[in-house]
Each structure stands twice: as structure tokens, then as C-alpha cells.
N, C-alpha and C. Protein backbone atom coordinates (compact mmCIF):
# COMPACT_ATOMS: atom_id res chain seq x y z
N MET A 1 0.83 -1.20 0.00
CA MET A 1 0.00 0.00 0.00
C MET A 1 0.86 1.26 0.00
N ARG A 2 1.95 1.23 0.77
CA ARG A 2 2.84 2.38 0.83
C ARG A 2 3.47 2.66 -0.53
N GLU A 3 3.80 1.60 -1.27
CA GLU A 3 4.38 1.77 -2.60
C GLU A 3 3.39 2.42 -3.55
N ARG A 4 2.13 2.04 -3.45
CA ARG A 4 1.10 2.64 -4.31
C ARG A 4 0.93 4.12 -3.98
N SER A 5 0.94 4.46 -2.71
CA SER A 5 0.82 5.85 -2.29
C SER A 5 2.00 6.66 -2.80
N SER A 6 3.19 6.09 -2.72
CA SER A 6 4.39 6.77 -3.22
C SER A 6 4.31 6.96 -4.73
N SER A 7 3.82 5.95 -5.41
CA SER A 7 3.69 6.04 -6.86
C SER A 7 2.69 7.12 -7.25
N LEU A 8 1.58 7.20 -6.54
CA LEU A 8 0.59 8.25 -6.81
C LEU A 8 1.18 9.62 -6.56
N ARG A 9 1.92 9.74 -5.47
CA ARG A 9 2.51 11.03 -5.12
C ARG A 9 3.48 11.51 -6.20
N VAL A 10 4.12 10.59 -6.88
CA VAL A 10 5.06 10.95 -7.95
C VAL A 10 4.33 11.29 -9.24
N TRP A 11 3.34 10.48 -9.62
CA TRP A 11 2.74 10.61 -10.95
C TRP A 11 1.55 11.54 -11.04
N VAL A 12 0.80 11.73 -9.97
CA VAL A 12 -0.40 12.57 -10.03
C VAL A 12 -0.08 14.00 -10.48
N PRO A 13 0.92 14.68 -9.91
CA PRO A 13 1.17 16.06 -10.38
C PRO A 13 1.58 16.11 -11.84
N ARG A 14 2.35 15.16 -12.28
CA ARG A 14 2.82 15.17 -13.67
C ARG A 14 1.68 14.93 -14.65
N ILE A 15 0.83 13.97 -14.32
CA ILE A 15 -0.32 13.67 -15.19
C ILE A 15 -1.30 14.84 -15.19
N PHE A 16 -1.60 15.38 -14.01
CA PHE A 16 -2.50 16.54 -13.93
C PHE A 16 -1.93 17.73 -14.72
N ALA A 17 -0.62 17.95 -14.61
CA ALA A 17 -0.01 19.08 -15.30
C ALA A 17 -0.13 18.93 -16.82
N ILE A 18 0.11 17.73 -17.31
CA ILE A 18 -0.02 17.49 -18.75
C ILE A 18 -1.47 17.67 -19.19
N LEU A 19 -2.40 17.20 -18.38
CA LEU A 19 -3.82 17.38 -18.72
C LEU A 19 -4.22 18.86 -18.74
N VAL A 20 -3.69 19.64 -17.82
CA VAL A 20 -3.97 21.08 -17.80
C VAL A 20 -3.38 21.73 -19.05
N CYS A 21 -2.19 21.31 -19.46
CA CYS A 21 -1.59 21.85 -20.69
C CYS A 21 -2.45 21.53 -21.90
N VAL A 22 -2.96 20.32 -21.96
CA VAL A 22 -3.84 19.94 -23.07
C VAL A 22 -5.12 20.77 -23.03
N PHE A 23 -5.68 20.93 -21.84
CA PHE A 23 -6.90 21.73 -21.67
C PHE A 23 -6.68 23.16 -22.15
N LEU A 24 -5.57 23.77 -21.73
CA LEU A 24 -5.28 25.14 -22.17
C LEU A 24 -4.99 25.19 -23.66
N GLY A 25 -4.38 24.15 -24.19
CA GLY A 25 -4.12 24.09 -25.62
C GLY A 25 -5.39 24.03 -26.44
N LEU A 26 -6.45 23.48 -25.87
CA LEU A 26 -7.72 23.42 -26.58
C LEU A 26 -8.28 24.81 -26.89
N PHE A 27 -7.90 25.79 -26.09
CA PHE A 27 -8.37 27.15 -26.35
C PHE A 27 -7.80 27.69 -27.66
N ALA A 28 -6.75 27.10 -28.17
CA ALA A 28 -6.18 27.53 -29.45
C ALA A 28 -7.11 27.19 -30.61
N LEU A 29 -8.05 26.30 -30.38
CA LEU A 29 -8.98 25.93 -31.45
C LEU A 29 -9.90 27.08 -31.83
N ASP A 30 -9.99 28.09 -30.99
CA ASP A 30 -10.86 29.23 -31.32
C ASP A 30 -10.12 30.33 -32.09
N ALA A 31 -8.89 30.05 -32.49
CA ALA A 31 -8.12 31.02 -33.27
C ALA A 31 -8.82 31.27 -34.60
N ALA A 32 -9.06 32.53 -34.90
CA ALA A 32 -9.78 32.88 -36.12
C ALA A 32 -8.92 32.69 -37.37
N ALA A 33 -7.64 32.94 -37.24
CA ALA A 33 -6.73 32.82 -38.38
C ALA A 33 -5.57 31.89 -38.00
N PRO A 34 -5.02 31.19 -38.95
CA PRO A 34 -3.89 30.32 -38.65
C PRO A 34 -2.70 31.06 -38.03
N SER A 35 -2.55 32.33 -38.35
CA SER A 35 -1.44 33.10 -37.78
C SER A 35 -1.63 33.34 -36.28
N GLU A 36 -2.85 33.25 -35.79
CA GLU A 36 -3.12 33.44 -34.36
C GLU A 36 -2.91 32.17 -33.55
N LEU A 37 -2.73 31.06 -34.21
CA LEU A 37 -2.61 29.78 -33.53
C LEU A 37 -1.45 29.76 -32.54
N ALA A 38 -0.31 30.27 -32.95
CA ALA A 38 0.87 30.28 -32.07
C ALA A 38 0.62 31.10 -30.81
N ALA A 39 -0.03 32.23 -30.96
CA ALA A 39 -0.32 33.07 -29.80
C ALA A 39 -1.27 32.38 -28.82
N HIS A 40 -2.21 31.62 -29.37
CA HIS A 40 -3.17 30.92 -28.52
C HIS A 40 -2.55 29.67 -27.89
N LEU A 41 -1.55 29.09 -28.53
CA LEU A 41 -0.89 27.90 -27.99
C LEU A 41 0.23 28.25 -27.00
N ALA A 42 0.67 29.48 -27.00
CA ALA A 42 1.81 29.89 -26.18
C ALA A 42 1.67 29.54 -24.69
N PRO A 43 0.54 29.81 -24.04
CA PRO A 43 0.44 29.46 -22.62
C PRO A 43 0.63 27.96 -22.36
N ALA A 44 0.03 27.14 -23.19
CA ALA A 44 0.17 25.69 -23.01
C ALA A 44 1.60 25.25 -23.25
N LEU A 45 2.26 25.83 -24.24
CA LEU A 45 3.65 25.45 -24.53
C LEU A 45 4.59 25.89 -23.42
N VAL A 46 4.36 27.06 -22.86
CA VAL A 46 5.17 27.53 -21.74
C VAL A 46 4.98 26.60 -20.54
N LEU A 47 3.76 26.20 -20.29
CA LEU A 47 3.51 25.28 -19.18
C LEU A 47 4.14 23.91 -19.42
N LEU A 48 4.21 23.48 -20.67
CA LEU A 48 4.89 22.22 -20.96
C LEU A 48 6.38 22.31 -20.62
N VAL A 49 6.98 23.46 -20.84
CA VAL A 49 8.37 23.67 -20.44
C VAL A 49 8.49 23.59 -18.92
N VAL A 50 7.53 24.18 -18.22
CA VAL A 50 7.53 24.11 -16.75
C VAL A 50 7.39 22.66 -16.30
N VAL A 51 6.53 21.89 -16.95
CA VAL A 51 6.38 20.47 -16.61
C VAL A 51 7.70 19.74 -16.82
N ALA A 52 8.40 20.04 -17.91
CA ALA A 52 9.69 19.39 -18.17
C ALA A 52 10.71 19.72 -17.08
N VAL A 53 10.76 20.97 -16.68
CA VAL A 53 11.69 21.37 -15.62
C VAL A 53 11.28 20.75 -14.29
N SER A 54 9.99 20.66 -14.06
CA SER A 54 9.46 20.14 -12.79
C SER A 54 9.52 18.62 -12.69
N TRP A 55 9.89 17.97 -13.76
CA TRP A 55 9.92 16.51 -13.75
C TRP A 55 10.81 15.99 -12.64
N ARG A 56 11.94 16.65 -12.42
CA ARG A 56 12.86 16.26 -11.35
C ARG A 56 12.91 17.28 -10.21
N ARG A 57 12.34 18.44 -10.41
CA ARG A 57 12.35 19.50 -9.39
C ARG A 57 10.91 19.93 -9.13
N GLU A 58 10.23 19.16 -8.30
CA GLU A 58 8.81 19.40 -8.07
C GLU A 58 8.52 20.78 -7.51
N TRP A 59 9.46 21.32 -6.73
CA TRP A 59 9.22 22.63 -6.13
C TRP A 59 9.02 23.70 -7.20
N VAL A 60 9.67 23.56 -8.35
CA VAL A 60 9.50 24.52 -9.44
C VAL A 60 8.05 24.49 -9.92
N GLY A 61 7.54 23.30 -10.17
CA GLY A 61 6.14 23.17 -10.60
C GLY A 61 5.18 23.68 -9.56
N GLY A 62 5.46 23.38 -8.30
CA GLY A 62 4.59 23.86 -7.23
C GLY A 62 4.52 25.36 -7.17
N LEU A 63 5.67 26.00 -7.26
CA LEU A 63 5.70 27.47 -7.21
C LEU A 63 5.09 28.10 -8.45
N VAL A 64 5.48 27.61 -9.62
CA VAL A 64 5.01 28.24 -10.86
C VAL A 64 3.51 28.07 -11.05
N PHE A 65 3.01 26.84 -10.90
CA PHE A 65 1.58 26.60 -11.10
C PHE A 65 0.74 27.34 -10.06
N THR A 66 1.19 27.37 -8.81
CA THR A 66 0.45 28.07 -7.77
C THR A 66 0.47 29.58 -8.03
N ALA A 67 1.62 30.11 -8.41
CA ALA A 67 1.72 31.55 -8.71
C ALA A 67 0.86 31.92 -9.91
N LEU A 68 0.86 31.08 -10.94
CA LEU A 68 0.02 31.36 -12.11
C LEU A 68 -1.47 31.31 -11.75
N ALA A 69 -1.84 30.39 -10.88
CA ALA A 69 -3.24 30.31 -10.44
C ALA A 69 -3.64 31.60 -9.73
N ALA A 70 -2.79 32.08 -8.84
CA ALA A 70 -3.08 33.31 -8.11
C ALA A 70 -3.10 34.51 -9.06
N ALA A 71 -2.13 34.58 -9.96
CA ALA A 71 -2.06 35.71 -10.89
C ALA A 71 -3.28 35.74 -11.81
N TYR A 72 -3.67 34.58 -12.33
CA TYR A 72 -4.83 34.56 -13.22
C TYR A 72 -6.11 34.89 -12.45
N ALA A 73 -6.22 34.40 -11.22
CA ALA A 73 -7.40 34.72 -10.41
C ALA A 73 -7.49 36.22 -10.17
N TYR A 74 -6.35 36.87 -9.99
CA TYR A 74 -6.36 38.32 -9.79
C TYR A 74 -6.73 39.05 -11.08
N VAL A 75 -6.12 38.65 -12.18
CA VAL A 75 -6.36 39.33 -13.46
C VAL A 75 -7.81 39.15 -13.92
N ALA A 76 -8.36 37.96 -13.73
CA ALA A 76 -9.72 37.65 -14.20
C ALA A 76 -10.74 37.71 -13.07
N ARG A 77 -10.46 38.49 -12.04
CA ARG A 77 -11.33 38.50 -10.86
C ARG A 77 -12.76 38.91 -11.16
N GLY A 78 -13.01 39.56 -12.25
CA GLY A 78 -14.37 39.96 -12.62
C GLY A 78 -15.16 38.85 -13.31
N HIS A 79 -14.49 37.76 -13.62
CA HIS A 79 -15.11 36.64 -14.34
C HIS A 79 -14.94 35.36 -13.52
N VAL A 80 -15.87 35.11 -12.66
CA VAL A 80 -15.77 33.96 -11.75
C VAL A 80 -15.65 32.65 -12.51
N SER A 81 -16.38 32.50 -13.59
CA SER A 81 -16.32 31.24 -14.34
C SER A 81 -14.94 31.02 -14.96
N TRP A 82 -14.28 32.08 -15.38
CA TRP A 82 -12.91 31.96 -15.92
C TRP A 82 -11.95 31.52 -14.82
N VAL A 83 -12.11 32.13 -13.66
CA VAL A 83 -11.24 31.77 -12.53
C VAL A 83 -11.43 30.31 -12.16
N LEU A 84 -12.67 29.88 -12.12
CA LEU A 84 -12.93 28.47 -11.78
C LEU A 84 -12.36 27.53 -12.83
N ALA A 85 -12.47 27.90 -14.09
CA ALA A 85 -12.03 27.01 -15.18
C ALA A 85 -10.51 26.98 -15.34
N ILE A 86 -9.83 28.07 -15.04
CA ILE A 86 -8.39 28.15 -15.28
C ILE A 86 -7.59 28.09 -13.98
N SER A 87 -7.93 28.91 -13.02
CA SER A 87 -7.12 28.99 -11.79
C SER A 87 -7.22 27.74 -10.93
N ILE A 88 -8.39 27.18 -10.82
CA ILE A 88 -8.54 26.00 -9.96
C ILE A 88 -7.70 24.82 -10.45
N PRO A 89 -7.74 24.47 -11.75
CA PRO A 89 -6.85 23.39 -12.20
C PRO A 89 -5.36 23.72 -12.01
N LEU A 90 -4.97 24.98 -12.26
CA LEU A 90 -3.58 25.37 -12.03
C LEU A 90 -3.20 25.22 -10.56
N LEU A 91 -4.10 25.61 -9.68
CA LEU A 91 -3.85 25.50 -8.25
C LEU A 91 -3.74 24.04 -7.82
N ILE A 92 -4.61 23.20 -8.34
CA ILE A 92 -4.56 21.77 -8.01
C ILE A 92 -3.22 21.17 -8.43
N VAL A 93 -2.76 21.51 -9.61
CA VAL A 93 -1.47 21.01 -10.08
C VAL A 93 -0.35 21.53 -9.18
N GLY A 94 -0.38 22.81 -8.85
CA GLY A 94 0.65 23.38 -7.98
C GLY A 94 0.69 22.71 -6.62
N VAL A 95 -0.47 22.48 -6.04
CA VAL A 95 -0.53 21.84 -4.72
C VAL A 95 -0.04 20.39 -4.79
N THR A 96 -0.40 19.67 -5.85
CA THR A 96 0.06 18.29 -5.94
C THR A 96 1.57 18.22 -6.17
N TYR A 97 2.13 19.18 -6.92
CA TYR A 97 3.59 19.23 -7.06
C TYR A 97 4.25 19.51 -5.71
N LEU A 98 3.71 20.44 -4.94
CA LEU A 98 4.27 20.73 -3.62
C LEU A 98 4.15 19.53 -2.69
N TRP A 99 3.04 18.82 -2.79
CA TRP A 99 2.83 17.61 -1.99
C TRP A 99 3.89 16.56 -2.34
N SER A 100 4.15 16.38 -3.62
CA SER A 100 5.16 15.43 -4.07
C SER A 100 6.55 15.85 -3.61
N TRP A 101 6.84 17.14 -3.66
CA TRP A 101 8.15 17.64 -3.26
C TRP A 101 8.37 17.50 -1.75
N ARG A 102 7.34 17.79 -0.97
CA ARG A 102 7.47 17.74 0.50
C ARG A 102 7.51 16.32 1.04
N HIS A 103 7.06 15.36 0.26
CA HIS A 103 7.07 13.96 0.68
C HIS A 103 7.88 13.14 -0.32
N PRO A 104 9.20 13.29 -0.29
CA PRO A 104 10.02 12.61 -1.30
C PRO A 104 9.92 11.09 -1.19
N THR A 105 10.15 10.47 -2.31
CA THR A 105 10.11 9.02 -2.39
C THR A 105 11.21 8.54 -3.32
N THR A 106 11.48 7.28 -3.31
CA THR A 106 12.53 6.75 -4.17
C THR A 106 11.99 6.40 -5.56
N LEU A 107 10.69 6.57 -5.79
CA LEU A 107 10.08 6.21 -7.07
C LEU A 107 10.05 7.36 -8.05
N ARG A 108 11.10 8.13 -8.14
CA ARG A 108 11.15 9.25 -9.07
C ARG A 108 11.21 8.76 -10.50
N PRO A 109 10.56 9.47 -11.42
CA PRO A 109 10.67 9.08 -12.82
C PRO A 109 12.10 9.27 -13.31
N ALA A 110 12.50 8.44 -14.23
CA ALA A 110 13.86 8.50 -14.75
C ALA A 110 14.06 9.75 -15.60
N ALA A 111 15.20 10.38 -15.43
CA ALA A 111 15.56 11.54 -16.25
C ALA A 111 16.33 11.05 -17.47
N HIS A 112 15.95 11.52 -18.63
CA HIS A 112 16.64 11.08 -19.86
C HIS A 112 17.42 12.21 -20.45
């Protein structure tokens, strides 16, 4: 049971982070022109870089995702539905990364 808990603690933040990147990437589908696609994909691509850095340094993911959740909640404070749709998933990812970092385990994913 302890091994399963350790495995979850390692993989949950990474899987959630990738899912959030995919979710944010879906917003690029509303680009009116192909030239706007890169601008709409930029947030998801930046977060993918954060996920890559956080693969071995969970504290980075915890800080960045939590800070982005707070920043977006502040910027979009007039739109509660936007905050719920964007900030809450970012916050969940940040908290799970911090949870993984604060409770280290030997089941770290291999760095290539």
C-alpha cells in the first residue's frame, strides 16, 4: 500500500499538469486565423516547459503553477467562471507538485 501511495505522489502532479496543458491548448482551437494559432498555444507550450523542468524538481512546478493560479485569479477577478475554469486546475497542479516535493520518495521518474 505504501508503494502505491508513493507512486501516486510521484505521478499525479505530472499527469495533472499534462492534462492542464492539453486543456489550455484546446483554447487555441478558437483562433480565427492560422497566424493566431501560435499566440493561442503559447500558454500551453510555456507550461509544458515548466512540466519538463518540474519533472525532477517538483518545487518549481509547485511554485510556478500556484503563482500562475493566483495571478490569473487576480487578473480575471471579474469573471468567476474563468477563474474556476483556469485557476482552480492550475492551483490543483501546484498543490500536488508541492505535496510530491514535500514527501520525497525513491520512485522518481527516470531523467533522460
